Amino acid sequence: MHTRLADKIIDKITPAQQLYHRLVLVVGPPGSGKTSALSEVASRRQCRYVNLNLELSRRLLDLTERQRTLQLPQIMADIMGGTDNEITLLDNTEILFEVGLKQDPLRLLQSMARNRMVVAAWNGRVEEKFLLYAQPGHPEYRRYPARDLLIVSSENPAPEHLATLQ
């Protein structure tokens, strides 16, 4: 199944490069094959694969809470590095939802994807034209309109109510 998902991700990379935010979100619940698919894309396209939870937590470890909040966008940019033509695959992005970091995860990913191509795993779902993370009432819960987002669903079959959903 991860080969099919990897193919769907690769198919979205070229159209995404023409967008204002060059971001593809690979959306699905934990264990749905996102990591395997991203690893396969990295291998096939010679892309940079980043375990964001691991890399970001290492760099934030010695900072105060305030420093983490203020420096997070620059630290992410440093982790991603690269040039406009490179593709960065971000896996394990759950750290971005940590309440103490005081970040808007989607906005942060979009800002990273302004000057480079980013494919990011998103542990959540698309429901009734909204991109969701966590459950209502959970401190990390997020709900975003899914319009203008390029989404690849790891769920089979993929919901068909969004033009940008594959």
C-alpha atoms as a PDB file:
ATOM      1  CA  MET A   1       0.000   0.000   0.000  1.00  0.00           C
ATOM      2  CA  HIS A   2       2.843   2.424   0.735  1.00  0.00           C
ATOM      3  CA  THR A   3       3.983   2.152  -2.917  1.00  0.00           C
ATOM      4  CA  ARG A   4       0.568   3.364  -4.087  1.00  0.00           C
ATOM      5  CA  LEU A   5       0.659   6.197  -1.552  1.00  0.00           C
ATOM      6  CA  ALA A   6       4.209   7.081  -2.624  1.00  0.00           C
ATOM      7  CA  ASP A   7       2.995   7.258  -6.251  1.00  0.00           C
ATOM      8  CA  LYS A   8       0.172   9.605  -5.215  1.00  0.00           C
ATOM      9  CA  ILE A   9       2.660  11.841  -3.375  1.00  0.00           C
ATOM     10  CA  ILE A  10       5.038  11.956  -6.351  1.00  0.00           C
ATOM     11  CA  ASP A  11       2.117  12.820  -8.643  1.00  0.00           C
ATOM     12  CA  LYS A  12       1.375  15.915  -6.495  1.00  0.00           C
ATOM     13  CA  ILE A  13       4.930  17.280  -6.344  1.00  0.00           C
ATOM     14  CA  THR A  14       4.951  18.895  -9.804  1.00  0.00           C
ATOM     15  CA  PRO A  15       1.571  20.674  -9.417  1.00  0.00           C
ATOM     16  CA  ALA A  16       2.557  21.800  -5.911  1.00  0.00           C
ATOM     17  CA  GLN A  17       5.676  23.506  -7.243  1.00  0.00           C
ATOM     18  CA  GLN A  18       3.432  25.972  -9.069  1.00  0.00           C
ATOM     19  CA  LEU A  19       1.534  27.029  -5.934  1.00  0.00           C
ATOM     20  CA  TYR A  20       2.156  29.965  -3.614  1.00  0.00           C
ATOM     21  CA  HIS A  21       2.720  27.500  -0.750  1.00  0.00           C
ATOM     22  CA  ARG A  22       4.606  24.556  -2.197  1.00  0.00           C
ATOM     23  CA  LEU A  23       3.179  22.190   0.391  1.00  0.00           C
ATOM     24  CA  VAL A  24       1.741  18.689   0.076  1.00  0.00           C
ATOM     25  CA  LEU A  25       0.139  17.257   3.209  1.00  0.00           C
ATOM     26  CA  VAL A  26       0.076  13.476   3.560  1.00  0.00           C
ATOM     27  CA  VAL A  27      -2.916  13.007   5.842  1.00  0.00           C
ATOM     28  CA  GLY A  28      -3.916   9.897   7.730  1.00  0.00           C
ATOM     29  CA  PRO A  29      -4.092   8.279  11.141  1.00  0.00           C
ATOM     30  CA  PRO A  30      -1.004   6.822  12.841  1.00  0.00           C
ATOM     31  CA  GLY A  31      -0.022   3.505  11.291  1.00  0.00           C
ATOM     32  CA  SER A  32      -1.593   4.253   7.900  1.00  0.00           C
ATOM     33  CA  GLY A  33       1.666   4.034   5.932  1.00  0.00           C
ATOM     34  CA  LYS A  34       2.743   7.672   5.795  1.00  0.00           C
ATOM     35  CA  THR A  35       6.292   6.996   7.027  1.00  0.00           C
ATOM     36  CA  SER A  36       6.842   4.091   4.635  1.00  0.00           C
ATOM     37  CA  ALA A  37       5.512   6.110   1.720  1.00  0.00           C
ATOM     38  CA  LEU A  38       7.651   9.156   2.565  1.00  0.00           C
ATOM     39  CA  SER A  39      10.730   6.930   2.875  1.00  0.00           C
ATOM     40  CA  GLU A  40       9.974   5.429  -0.522  1.00  0.00           C
ATOM     41  CA  VAL A  41       9.527   8.886  -2.072  1.00  0.00           C
ATOM     42  CA  ALA A  42      12.857   9.963  -0.541  1.00  0.00           C
ATOM     43  CA  SER A  43      14.551   6.952  -2.083  1.00  0.00           C
ATOM     44  CA  ARG A  44      12.936   7.248  -5.516  1.00  0.00           C
ATOM     45  CA  ARG A  45      13.271  11.042  -5.878  1.00  0.00           C
ATOM     46  CA  GLN A  46      16.551  11.473  -3.954  1.00  0.00           C
ATOM     47  CA  CYS A  47      14.797  13.883  -1.558  1.00  0.00           C
ATOM     48  CA  ARG A  48      15.778  14.902   1.929  1.00  0.00           C
ATOM     49  CA  TYR A  49      13.801  13.016   4.594  1.00  0.00           C
ATOM     50  CA  VAL A  50      13.569  14.595   8.069  1.00  0.00           C
ATOM     51  CA  ASN A  51      12.163  13.059  11.249  1.00  0.00           C
ATOM     52  CA  LEU A  52      10.962  16.429  12.548  1.00  0.00           C
ATOM     53  CA  ASN A  53      10.138  15.278  16.094  1.00  0.00           C
ATOM     54  CA  LEU A  54      13.691  14.016  16.536  1.00  0.00           C
ATOM     55  CA  GLU A  55      15.549  16.890  14.881  1.00  0.00           C
ATOM     56  CA  LEU A  56      13.479  19.679  16.392  1.00  0.00           C
ATOM     57  CA  SER A  57      13.438  18.244  19.911  1.00  0.00           C
ATOM     58  CA  ARG A  58      17.242  17.952  19.843  1.00  0.00           C
ATOM     59  CA  ARG A  59      17.608  21.612  18.939  1.00  0.00           C
ATOM     60  CA  LEU A  60      14.986  22.874  21.378  1.00  0.00           C
ATOM     61  CA  LEU A  61      16.272  20.904  24.349  1.00  0.00           C
ATOM     62  CA  ASP A  62      18.590  23.570  25.791  1.00  0.00           C
ATOM     63  CA  LEU A  63      16.267  26.540  25.156  1.00  0.00           C
ATOM     64  CA  THR A  64      13.818  28.169  27.534  1.00  0.00           C
ATOM     65  CA  GLU A  65      10.110  28.001  26.725  1.00  0.00           C
ATOM     66  CA  ARG A  66      10.159  31.587  25.455  1.00  0.00           C
ATOM     67  CA  GLN A  67      13.235  30.965  23.305  1.00  0.00           C
ATOM     68  CA  ARG A  68      11.586  27.873  21.830  1.00  0.00           C
ATOM     69  CA  THR A  69       8.509  29.856  20.835  1.00  0.00           C
ATOM     70  CA  LEU A  70      10.505  32.694  19.293  1.00  0.00           C
ATOM     71  CA  GLN A  71      13.210  30.646  17.593  1.00  0.00           C
ATOM     72  CA  LEU A  72      11.156  27.695  16.309  1.00  0.00           C
ATOM     73  CA  PRO A  73      10.546  29.040  12.769  1.00  0.00           C
ATOM     74  CA  GLN A  74      14.249  29.788  12.255  1.00  0.00           C
ATOM     75  CA  ILE A  75      15.288  26.447  13.725  1.00  0.00           C
ATOM     76  CA  MET A  76      12.893  24.675  11.341  1.00  0.00           C
ATOM     77  CA  ALA A  77      14.317  26.625   8.413  1.00  0.00           C
ATOM     78  CA  ASP A  78      17.822  25.601   9.492  1.00  0.00           C
ATOM     79  CA  ILE A  79      16.778  21.946   9.750  1.00  0.00           C
ATOM     80  CA  MET A  80      15.233  22.053   6.308  1.00  0.00           C
ATOM     81  CA  GLY A  81      18.080  23.978   4.702  1.00  0.00           C
ATOM     82  CA  GLY A  82      18.406  23.433   0.989  1.00  0.00           C
ATOM     83  CA  THR A  83      17.477  25.516  -1.985  1.00  0.00           C
ATOM     84  CA  ASP A  84      14.323  26.377  -3.866  1.00  0.00           C
ATOM     85  CA  ASN A  85      14.647  23.350  -6.145  1.00  0.00           C
ATOM     86  CA  GLU A  86      15.052  20.790  -3.391  1.00  0.00           C
ATOM     87  CA  ILE A  87      12.225  18.784  -1.890  1.00  0.00           C
ATOM     88  CA  THR A  88      12.089  18.206   1.865  1.00  0.00           C
ATOM     89  CA  LEU A  89       9.970  15.396   3.287  1.00  0.00           C
ATOM     90  CA  LEU A  90       8.884  16.026   6.883  1.00  0.00           C
ATOM     91  CA  ASP A  91       7.745  13.044   8.901  1.00  0.00           C
ATOM     92  CA  ASN A  92       6.658  12.824  12.534  1.00  0.00           C
ATOM     93  CA  THR A  93       5.442  16.414  12.690  1.00  0.00           C
ATOM     94  CA  GLU A  94       3.492  16.008  15.944  1.00  0.00           C
ATOM     95  CA  ILE A  95       5.926  18.254  17.843  1.00  0.00           C
ATOM     96  CA  LEU A  96       4.531  21.265  15.975  1.00  0.00           C
ATOM     97  CA  PHE A  97       1.224  20.779  17.818  1.00  0.00           C
ATOM     98  CA  GLU A  98       2.817  20.964  21.267  1.00  0.00           C
ATOM     99  CA  VAL A  99       0.757  23.610  23.061  1.00  0.00           C
ATOM    100  CA  GLY A 100       3.792  25.043  24.889  1.00  0.00           C
ATOM    101  CA  LEU A 101       5.432  26.002  21.585  1.00  0.00           C
ATOM    102  CA  LYS A 102       2.547  28.398  20.849  1.00  0.00           C
ATOM    103  CA  GLN A 103       2.652  27.817  17.089  1.00  0.00           C
ATOM    104  CA  ASP A 104       0.072  27.429  14.361  1.00  0.00           C
ATOM    105  CA  PRO A 105       1.307  24.186  12.742  1.00  0.00           C
ATOM    106  CA  LEU A 106      -0.326  24.676   9.342  1.00  0.00           C
ATOM    107  CA  ARG A 107       0.811  28.286   9.066  1.00  0.00           C
ATOM    108  CA  LEU A 108       4.347  27.261  10.066  1.00  0.00           C
ATOM    109  CA  LEU A 109       4.434  24.511   7.429  1.00  0.00           C
ATOM    110  CA  GLN A 110       3.070  26.912   4.830  1.00  0.00           C
ATOM    111  CA  SER A 111       5.716  29.500   5.664  1.00  0.00           C
ATOM    112  CA  MET A 112       8.428  26.834   5.294  1.00  0.00           C
ATOM    113  CA  ALA A 113       6.906  25.879   1.933  1.00  0.00           C
ATOM    114  CA  ARG A 114       6.971  29.400   0.569  1.00  0.00           C
ATOM    115  CA  ASN A 115      10.542  29.166  -0.695  1.00  0.00           C
ATOM    116  CA  ARG A 116      10.963  25.407  -0.992  1.00  0.00           C
ATOM    117  CA  MET A 117       8.946  22.289  -1.795  1.00  0.00           C
ATOM    118  CA  VAL A 118       7.698  20.558   1.379  1.00  0.00           C
ATOM    119  CA  VAL A 119       5.863  17.268   1.755  1.00  0.00           C
ATOM    120  CA  ALA A 120       4.697  16.830   5.349  1.00  0.00           C
ATOM    121  CA  ALA A 121       2.999  13.993   7.227  1.00  0.00           C
ATOM    122  CA  TRP A 122      -0.148  15.025   9.123  1.00  0.00           C
ATOM    123  CA  ASN A 123      -1.578  12.624  11.698  1.00  0.00           C
ATOM    124  CA  GLY A 124      -5.212  13.479  11.279  1.00  0.00           C
ATOM    125  CA  ARG A 125      -8.046  13.318   8.832  1.00  0.00           C
ATOM    126  CA  VAL A 126     -10.085  15.287   6.346  1.00  0.00           C
ATOM    127  CA  GLU A 127     -13.734  15.500   7.266  1.00  0.00           C
ATOM    128  CA  GLU A 128     -16.476  17.613   5.694  1.00  0.00           C
ATOM    129  CA  LYS A 129     -13.986  19.881   3.891  1.00  0.00           C
ATOM    130  CA  PHE A 130     -11.872  20.434   7.012  1.00  0.00           C
ATOM    131  CA  LEU A 131      -8.374  19.278   7.856  1.00  0.00           C
ATOM    132  CA  LEU A 132      -8.352  17.980  11.441  1.00  0.00           C
ATOM    133  CA  TYR A 133      -5.717  17.117  14.016  1.00  0.00           C
ATOM    134  CA  ALA A 134      -6.684  15.408  17.295  1.00  0.00           C
ATOM    135  CA  GLN A 135     -10.204  15.293  18.715  1.00  0.00           C
ATOM    136  CA  PRO A 136     -12.334  18.255  19.829  1.00  0.00           C
ATOM    137  CA  GLY A 137     -11.572  19.061  23.450  1.00  0.00           C
ATOM    138  CA  HIS A 138      -7.975  17.826  23.221  1.00  0.00           C
ATOM    139  CA  PRO A 139      -5.436  20.638  23.907  1.00  0.00           C
ATOM    140  CA  GLU A 140      -3.729  20.023  20.544  1.00  0.00           C
ATOM    141  CA  TYR A 141      -6.971  19.961  18.522  1.00  0.00           C
ATOM    142  CA  ARG A 142      -6.809  21.904  15.257  1.00  0.00           C
ATOM    143  CA  ARG A 143      -9.411  22.412  12.527  1.00  0.00           C
ATOM    144  CA  TYR A 144      -8.588  24.164   9.266  1.00  0.00           C
ATOM    145  CA  PRO A 145     -10.609  24.694   6.086  1.00  0.00           C
ATOM    146  CA  ALA A 146      -9.146  22.269   3.540  1.00  0.00           C
ATOM    147  CA  ARG A 147      -9.593  24.606   0.600  1.00  0.00           C
ATOM    148  CA  ASP A 148      -6.406  25.640  -1.175  1.00  0.00           C
ATOM    149  CA  LEU A 149      -4.499  22.771   0.432  1.00  0.00           C
ATOM    150  CA  LEU A 150      -2.892  20.007  -1.588  1.00  0.00           C
ATOM    151  CA  ILE A 151      -3.745  16.849   0.354  1.00  0.00           C
ATOM    152  CA  VAL A 152      -2.861  13.225  -0.263  1.00  0.00           C
ATOM    153  CA  SER A 153      -4.899  10.886   1.910  1.00  0.00           C
ATOM    154  CA  SER A 154      -3.348   7.695   3.230  1.00  0.00           C
ATOM    155  CA  GLU A 155      -6.804   6.285   3.881  1.00  0.00           C
ATOM    156  CA  ASN A 156      -8.222   3.876   1.376  1.00  0.00           C
ATOM    157  CA  PRO A 157     -10.487   4.781  -0.268  1.00  0.00           C
ATOM    158  CA  ALA A 158      -9.705   8.481  -0.183  1.00  0.00           C
ATOM    159  CA  PRO A 159     -12.612  10.853   0.480  1.00  0.00           C
ATOM    160  CA  GLU A 160     -13.719  12.459  -2.750  1.00  0.00           C
ATOM    161  CA  HIS A 161     -15.377  15.676  -1.592  1.00  0.00           C
ATOM    162  CA  LEU A 162     -12.328  17.928  -2.077  1.00  0.00           C
ATOM    163  CA  ALA A 163     -10.902  18.977  -5.403  1.00  0.00           C
ATOM    164  CA  THR A 164      -7.392  19.008  -3.935  1.00  0.00           C
ATOM    165  CA  LEU A 165      -7.703  15.635  -2.234  1.00  0.00           C
ATOM    166  CA  GLN A 166      -6.136  12.546  -3.810  1.00  0.00           C
END
